Amino acid sequence: MTGHNSIINSIALNKDNVLVSGGDEGSLYFWDYKSGYNFQKIQTTVQSGSLSSEAGIFSIKFDHSSTRMITAECDKTIKMWREDENATPESHPIDF
């Protein structure tokens, strides 16, 4: 699996075989664990007053339902992420 342009600090796998990797510059890459396909990339935002260089992802964990992801970040924040309940194959295509 390639794609990050930075050091990878953390990875997590949920029960749906979604692997998430977090980079030193705040990138989050979502992969299909079985095929290695990168189907989504997002960039975290630093809290107000922090430098853009403090966007690093230090740790990633999923809750027991695997629908929420928790990140510990360099800007001294803990962020909780959830699935987009309105996502459809048309709005978020996955082309293997």
N, C-alpha and C. Protein backbone atom coordinates (compact mmCIF):
# COMPACT_ATOMS: atom_id res chain seq x y z
N MET A 1 0.84 -1.18 0.00
CA MET A 1 0.00 0.00 0.00
C MET A 1 0.89 1.24 0.00
N THR A 2 0.75 2.03 -1.01
CA THR A 2 1.53 3.26 -1.09
C THR A 2 0.58 4.43 -1.30
N GLY A 3 1.04 5.60 -0.96
CA GLY A 3 0.21 6.78 -1.17
C GLY A 3 0.58 7.94 -0.28
N HIS A 4 0.95 7.66 0.96
CA HIS A 4 1.32 8.73 1.87
C HIS A 4 2.62 9.40 1.40
N ASN A 5 2.71 10.69 1.63
CA ASN A 5 3.93 11.43 1.35
C ASN A 5 4.59 11.88 2.63
N SER A 6 4.38 11.13 3.70
CA SER A 6 4.93 11.48 5.00
C SER A 6 5.13 10.21 5.81
N ILE A 7 5.67 10.39 6.99
CA ILE A 7 5.83 9.27 7.93
C ILE A 7 4.45 8.85 8.41
N ILE A 8 4.22 7.55 8.48
CA ILE A 8 2.95 7.02 9.00
C ILE A 8 3.16 6.71 10.48
N ASN A 9 2.36 7.37 11.32
CA ASN A 9 2.48 7.20 12.77
C ASN A 9 1.54 6.15 13.33
N SER A 10 0.41 5.89 12.67
CA SER A 10 -0.57 5.00 13.26
C SER A 10 -1.44 4.37 12.18
N ILE A 11 -1.91 3.15 12.45
CA ILE A 11 -2.90 2.49 11.61
C ILE A 11 -3.94 1.84 12.51
N ALA A 12 -5.13 1.64 11.97
CA ALA A 12 -6.20 0.94 12.69
C ALA A 12 -7.06 0.21 11.67
N LEU A 13 -7.59 -0.94 12.07
CA LEU A 13 -8.44 -1.76 11.22
C LEU A 13 -9.77 -1.95 11.93
N ASN A 14 -10.89 -1.71 11.20
CA ASN A 14 -12.19 -1.93 11.83
C ASN A 14 -12.76 -3.28 11.41
N LYS A 15 -13.93 -3.63 11.94
CA LYS A 15 -14.52 -4.94 11.68
C LYS A 15 -15.01 -5.10 10.25
N ASP A 16 -15.12 -3.99 9.50
CA ASP A 16 -15.53 -4.04 8.10
C ASP A 16 -14.34 -4.09 7.14
N ASN A 17 -13.15 -4.38 7.68
CA ASN A 17 -11.92 -4.46 6.90
C ASN A 17 -11.53 -3.14 6.25
N VAL A 18 -11.82 -2.05 6.95
CA VAL A 18 -11.33 -0.73 6.53
C VAL A 18 -10.09 -0.44 7.36
N LEU A 19 -8.98 -0.25 6.67
CA LEU A 19 -7.72 0.09 7.32
C LEU A 19 -7.51 1.59 7.16
N VAL A 20 -7.22 2.27 8.25
CA VAL A 20 -6.97 3.71 8.20
C VAL A 20 -5.52 3.94 8.61
N SER A 21 -4.82 4.77 7.85
CA SER A 21 -3.45 5.13 8.19
C SER A 21 -3.37 6.64 8.40
N GLY A 22 -2.62 7.04 9.41
CA GLY A 22 -2.50 8.46 9.74
C GLY A 22 -1.08 8.94 9.58
N GLY A 23 -0.92 10.05 8.85
CA GLY A 23 0.39 10.56 8.53
C GLY A 23 0.85 11.69 9.43
N ASP A 24 2.14 11.95 9.34
CA ASP A 24 2.80 12.98 10.14
C ASP A 24 2.34 14.39 9.78
N GLU A 25 1.73 14.56 8.59
CA GLU A 25 1.28 15.88 8.16
C GLU A 25 -0.23 16.02 8.25
N GLY A 26 -0.91 15.06 8.91
CA GLY A 26 -2.34 15.16 9.14
C GLY A 26 -3.22 14.46 8.13
N SER A 27 -2.65 13.65 7.26
CA SER A 27 -3.46 12.94 6.27
C SER A 27 -4.00 11.65 6.87
N LEU A 28 -5.23 11.33 6.48
CA LEU A 28 -5.87 10.06 6.85
C LEU A 28 -6.24 9.36 5.55
N TYR A 29 -5.72 8.17 5.35
CA TYR A 29 -6.00 7.39 4.15
C TYR A 29 -6.83 6.17 4.57
N PHE A 30 -7.89 5.92 3.82
CA PHE A 30 -8.79 4.79 4.08
C PHE A 30 -8.59 3.76 2.98
N TRP A 31 -8.31 2.52 3.40
CA TRP A 31 -7.96 1.44 2.48
C TRP A 31 -8.91 0.26 2.66
N ASP A 32 -9.19 -0.44 1.56
CA ASP A 32 -9.83 -1.74 1.64
C ASP A 32 -8.72 -2.72 2.00
N TYR A 33 -8.81 -3.34 3.17
CA TYR A 33 -7.73 -4.17 3.68
C TYR A 33 -7.44 -5.36 2.78
N LYS A 34 -8.47 -5.96 2.20
CA LYS A 34 -8.28 -7.17 1.40
C LYS A 34 -7.60 -6.88 0.06
N SER A 35 -7.99 -5.78 -0.59
CA SER A 35 -7.43 -5.50 -1.92
C SER A 35 -6.28 -4.49 -1.90
N GLY A 36 -6.19 -3.68 -0.82
CA GLY A 36 -5.18 -2.65 -0.76
C GLY A 36 -5.57 -1.37 -1.48
N TYR A 37 -6.84 -1.28 -1.91
CA TYR A 37 -7.32 -0.12 -2.65
C TYR A 37 -7.56 1.06 -1.71
N ASN A 38 -6.99 2.22 -2.05
CA ASN A 38 -7.20 3.45 -1.27
C ASN A 38 -8.45 4.13 -1.82
N PHE A 39 -9.55 4.09 -1.03
CA PHE A 39 -10.81 4.62 -1.52
C PHE A 39 -11.17 6.01 -0.99
N GLN A 40 -10.42 6.52 -0.02
CA GLN A 40 -10.71 7.87 0.48
C GLN A 40 -9.47 8.44 1.14
N LYS A 41 -9.29 9.76 0.98
CA LYS A 41 -8.21 10.50 1.65
C LYS A 41 -8.83 11.75 2.24
N ILE A 42 -8.49 12.07 3.48
CA ILE A 42 -8.92 13.33 4.06
C ILE A 42 -7.76 13.95 4.81
N GLN A 43 -7.86 15.24 5.02
CA GLN A 43 -6.83 15.98 5.73
C GLN A 43 -7.46 16.56 6.98
N THR A 44 -6.87 16.28 8.14
CA THR A 44 -7.38 16.85 9.37
C THR A 44 -7.05 18.34 9.43
N THR A 45 -7.78 19.06 10.24
CA THR A 45 -7.49 20.48 10.43
C THR A 45 -7.00 20.70 11.85
N VAL A 46 -6.04 21.58 11.99
CA VAL A 46 -5.50 21.86 13.32
C VAL A 46 -6.44 22.81 14.06
N GLN A 47 -6.39 22.73 15.39
CA GLN A 47 -7.22 23.63 16.18
C GLN A 47 -6.74 25.07 16.02
N SER A 48 -7.64 25.99 16.24
CA SER A 48 -7.33 27.40 16.12
C SER A 48 -6.16 27.76 17.04
N GLY A 49 -5.20 28.50 16.49
CA GLY A 49 -4.03 28.91 17.26
C GLY A 49 -2.84 27.99 17.11
N SER A 50 -3.03 26.83 16.47
CA SER A 50 -1.92 25.90 16.26
C SER A 50 -1.27 26.15 14.91
N LEU A 51 -0.04 25.72 14.78
CA LEU A 51 0.68 25.82 13.51
C LEU A 51 0.23 24.69 12.59
N SER A 52 0.28 24.93 11.28
CA SER A 52 -0.10 23.87 10.34
C SER A 52 0.81 22.66 10.45
N SER A 53 2.02 22.86 10.95
CA SER A 53 2.95 21.74 11.13
C SER A 53 2.53 20.84 12.30
N GLU A 54 1.53 21.24 13.06
CA GLU A 54 1.05 20.44 14.18
C GLU A 54 -0.18 19.61 13.80
N ALA A 55 -0.28 19.23 12.54
CA ALA A 55 -1.44 18.48 12.06
C ALA A 55 -1.24 16.97 12.15
N GLY A 56 -0.13 16.49 12.66
CA GLY A 56 0.18 15.07 12.66
C GLY A 56 -0.82 14.22 13.42
N ILE A 57 -1.03 13.01 12.91
CA ILE A 57 -1.89 12.02 13.56
C ILE A 57 -0.96 11.09 14.35
N PHE A 58 -1.15 11.05 15.67
CA PHE A 58 -0.30 10.21 16.52
C PHE A 58 -0.90 8.83 16.76
N SER A 59 -2.24 8.75 16.86
CA SER A 59 -2.88 7.48 17.17
C SER A 59 -4.27 7.43 16.57
N ILE A 60 -4.69 6.23 16.15
CA ILE A 60 -6.03 6.01 15.59
C ILE A 60 -6.60 4.77 16.25
N LYS A 61 -7.86 4.85 16.69
CA LYS A 61 -8.58 3.70 17.24
C LYS A 61 -10.03 3.76 16.77
N PHE A 62 -10.67 2.61 16.65
CA PHE A 62 -12.10 2.53 16.38
C PHE A 62 -12.82 2.15 17.66
N ASP A 63 -14.07 2.63 17.81
CA ASP A 63 -14.87 2.20 18.95
C ASP A 63 -15.38 0.78 18.69
N HIS A 64 -16.12 0.22 19.63
CA HIS A 64 -16.57 -1.17 19.51
C HIS A 64 -17.52 -1.39 18.33
N SER A 65 -18.25 -0.36 17.93
CA SER A 65 -19.17 -0.50 16.80
C SER A 65 -18.46 -0.38 15.46
N SER A 66 -17.23 0.10 15.46
CA SER A 66 -16.43 0.34 14.25
C SER A 66 -17.02 1.42 13.35
N THR A 67 -17.96 2.20 13.86
CA THR A 67 -18.54 3.28 13.08
C THR A 67 -17.97 4.64 13.46
N ARG A 68 -17.26 4.70 14.58
CA ARG A 68 -16.61 5.95 14.99
C ARG A 68 -15.12 5.70 15.13
N MET A 69 -14.36 6.67 14.68
CA MET A 69 -12.91 6.59 14.74
C MET A 69 -12.42 7.74 15.63
N ILE A 70 -11.44 7.47 16.45
CA ILE A 70 -10.90 8.46 17.37
C ILE A 70 -9.43 8.65 17.02
N THR A 71 -9.02 9.93 16.86
CA THR A 71 -7.63 10.23 16.57
C THR A 71 -7.05 11.11 17.67
N ALA A 72 -5.80 10.85 18.00
CA ALA A 72 -5.03 11.70 18.91
C ALA A 72 -4.02 12.42 18.03
N GLU A 73 -4.01 13.76 18.11
CA GLU A 73 -3.26 14.53 17.14
C GLU A 73 -2.21 15.43 17.78
N CYS A 74 -1.26 15.84 16.97
CA CYS A 74 -0.12 16.64 17.41
C CYS A 74 -0.52 17.99 17.98
N ASP A 75 -1.67 18.52 17.57
CA ASP A 75 -2.11 19.83 18.07
C ASP A 75 -2.78 19.74 19.44
N LYS A 76 -2.56 18.62 20.12
CA LYS A 76 -3.08 18.37 21.47
C LYS A 76 -4.60 18.19 21.49
N THR A 77 -5.17 17.67 20.39
CA THR A 77 -6.60 17.41 20.35
C THR A 77 -6.87 15.92 20.20
N ILE A 78 -8.05 15.54 20.62
CA ILE A 78 -8.61 14.21 20.35
C ILE A 78 -9.85 14.47 19.51
N LYS A 79 -9.91 13.86 18.33
CA LYS A 79 -11.04 14.08 17.44
C LYS A 79 -11.81 12.78 17.27
N MET A 80 -13.14 12.91 17.23
CA MET A 80 -14.01 11.76 16.99
C MET A 80 -14.64 11.94 15.61
N TRP A 81 -14.55 10.92 14.80
CA TRP A 81 -15.05 10.92 13.43
C TRP A 81 -16.15 9.86 13.33
N ARG A 82 -17.15 10.12 12.50
CA ARG A 82 -18.19 9.11 12.30
C ARG A 82 -18.46 8.95 10.81
N GLU A 83 -19.09 7.83 10.47
CA GLU A 83 -19.42 7.56 9.08
C GLU A 83 -20.45 8.57 8.59
N ASP A 84 -20.40 8.88 7.30
CA ASP A 84 -21.41 9.71 6.67
C ASP A 84 -22.61 8.82 6.38
N GLU A 85 -23.68 9.00 7.16
CA GLU A 85 -24.87 8.15 7.01
C GLU A 85 -25.58 8.37 5.69
N ASN A 86 -25.34 9.50 5.03
CA ASN A 86 -26.01 9.81 3.77
C ASN A 86 -25.17 9.43 2.56
N ALA A 87 -24.02 8.81 2.77
CA ALA A 87 -23.16 8.44 1.65
C ALA A 87 -23.83 7.34 0.82
N THR A 88 -23.70 7.47 -0.48
CA THR A 88 -24.21 6.47 -1.42
C THR A 88 -23.10 6.12 -2.40
N PRO A 89 -23.25 5.03 -3.14
CA PRO A 89 -22.24 4.73 -4.16
C PRO A 89 -22.08 5.85 -5.18
N GLU A 90 -23.14 6.63 -5.41
CA GLU A 90 -23.06 7.74 -6.36
C GLU A 90 -22.28 8.92 -5.77
N SER A 91 -22.49 9.21 -4.48
CA SER A 91 -21.82 10.36 -3.87
C SER A 91 -20.39 10.03 -3.44
N HIS A 92 -20.13 8.76 -3.14
CA HIS A 92 -18.80 8.32 -2.71
C HIS A 92 -18.44 7.03 -3.47
N PRO A 93 -18.12 7.17 -4.76
CA PRO A 93 -17.87 5.96 -5.58
C PRO A 93 -16.60 5.23 -5.14
N ILE A 94 -16.68 3.92 -5.24
CA ILE A 94 -15.51 3.06 -4.99
C ILE A 94 -15.28 2.26 -6.27
N ASP A 95 -14.32 2.68 -7.06
CA ASP A 95 -14.03 2.01 -8.33
C ASP A 95 -12.75 1.20 -8.19
N PHE A 96 -12.89 -0.12 -8.13
CA PHE A 96 -11.73 -0.99 -8.02
C PHE A 96 -11.17 -1.28 -9.39
